[in-house]
Amino acid sequence: MEKYIDLLKALISQQSFSKEEENAAAVMRDFLKKEGIVFQTKENNTWAFCKHFDSGKPTIMLDSHIDTVRPAKGYTKDPFAPIVEGDRLYGLGSNDAGGPLVSLLATFVHFYDREDLPYNLVFAATAEEEISGRRGLEIVLPQITPIAFAIIGEPTKMELAMAEKGLLVLDCYAHGKSGHAAREEGDNALYKAILDIEKLRNFEFEQVSKVLGKVKISVTQIEAGTQHNVVPDICHFVADVRTNEHYTNKEAARIINELIESDVKPRSVRLNSSGISEEHPFAQLVKKRGIHIYGSPTTSDQAIISFPSVKMGPGDSARSHTADEYIYISEIYAGIERFIDLLEELKL
């Protein structure tokens, strides 16, 4: 399995910021060529089907991303130099999501030639995940559907994130009337915004998820005014909303729009909550293995998937996007073994 660590080192060595994944995609394709695996491409995305694909069987997608964020401030090591110290492999993207990516690839290669599987496998190494871009998995899905189930490779300590919250960003605009601050003039939009922010702070969506909990609303930005002596006639504030499976983002936006006086404009409604039920065969299998199951507050490529999916992989989300990012090599090896063990027994 050392070749997968070497692959991860090669990926770390390539700058692969979102929308700039060409070199990382080339590394992935070179690896697949050497393995004798037939693959397809579209822009910076690469995918491959198992050798004995049978259209009569359900298909499982194994997907992770090749893009990274930009290095955080505070790096003491070269983010593009794969450095091994003991069991730790340092480098940008090592944990998020290089470790999960190579683990799923190793799992795919393990099953690639098998004729007795009760399902098909498709492996995808995709772009633009870190920015929720539209030129990543979203343009691959039409090429590989229908998919019955997906494992999205993200650092979860090989625990099962059986569901994740959706992401809804709202630009809200409170309107007033400008006037001179020294006189009783105008209608202060900032005060109106404060009232609406207080409503959002105290509001609770009725439906609470057993796995994901409540819908969470956080006002994270506010701006108003042009100078100290002018009453502002407009105040713009931003609400970050994390939805559970009981509400589509479109529904959540409508409810908030009806709650407050400010104009509400969603930036996008496409990143919805996703996951599987506790009765799903994969969830039952994971529970049988005694693996911890939880709901994730963060978004991933799951957000654009309409079919059942989970998030799982070696590494720890707490290390993602941090200076001197690393993953334990032993985590990757254990992750490969666990993925193979679960898929050996899974029946959809």
Foldseek 3Di string as FASTA:
>chain_A
DVVLVVLLLLLLLDQAAFVRNQSNLVSVVVVCVVLVFDWDDDRSKIKGKAPQADPVAAEEEEEEESHFHPADPPAPDDQSGFDDDPQKTWHTCAQRFSLLLSLSVLLCSVCRHDPPARHMYMYMYWGDFVVPDCRIVVVCVVVDDDHAEYEYEHAPQQFWQQKEWFKWKKKWKFFKFKDFQVDPDIGASVVQVVVLVVLLVPDWDDDADPFHGTWDKDWDDKDFDDDDGMRTGMIITMIIITHEPVDQQVRVQVVSCVRGPIHIDIPDRQQHMAGDDCPAQLNVLCVVVVGHYGHHHDGGVRRNDPHHYIYGGHHHPVQGSHHRRIGGNVSSVVRSVVVNVSSVPGDD
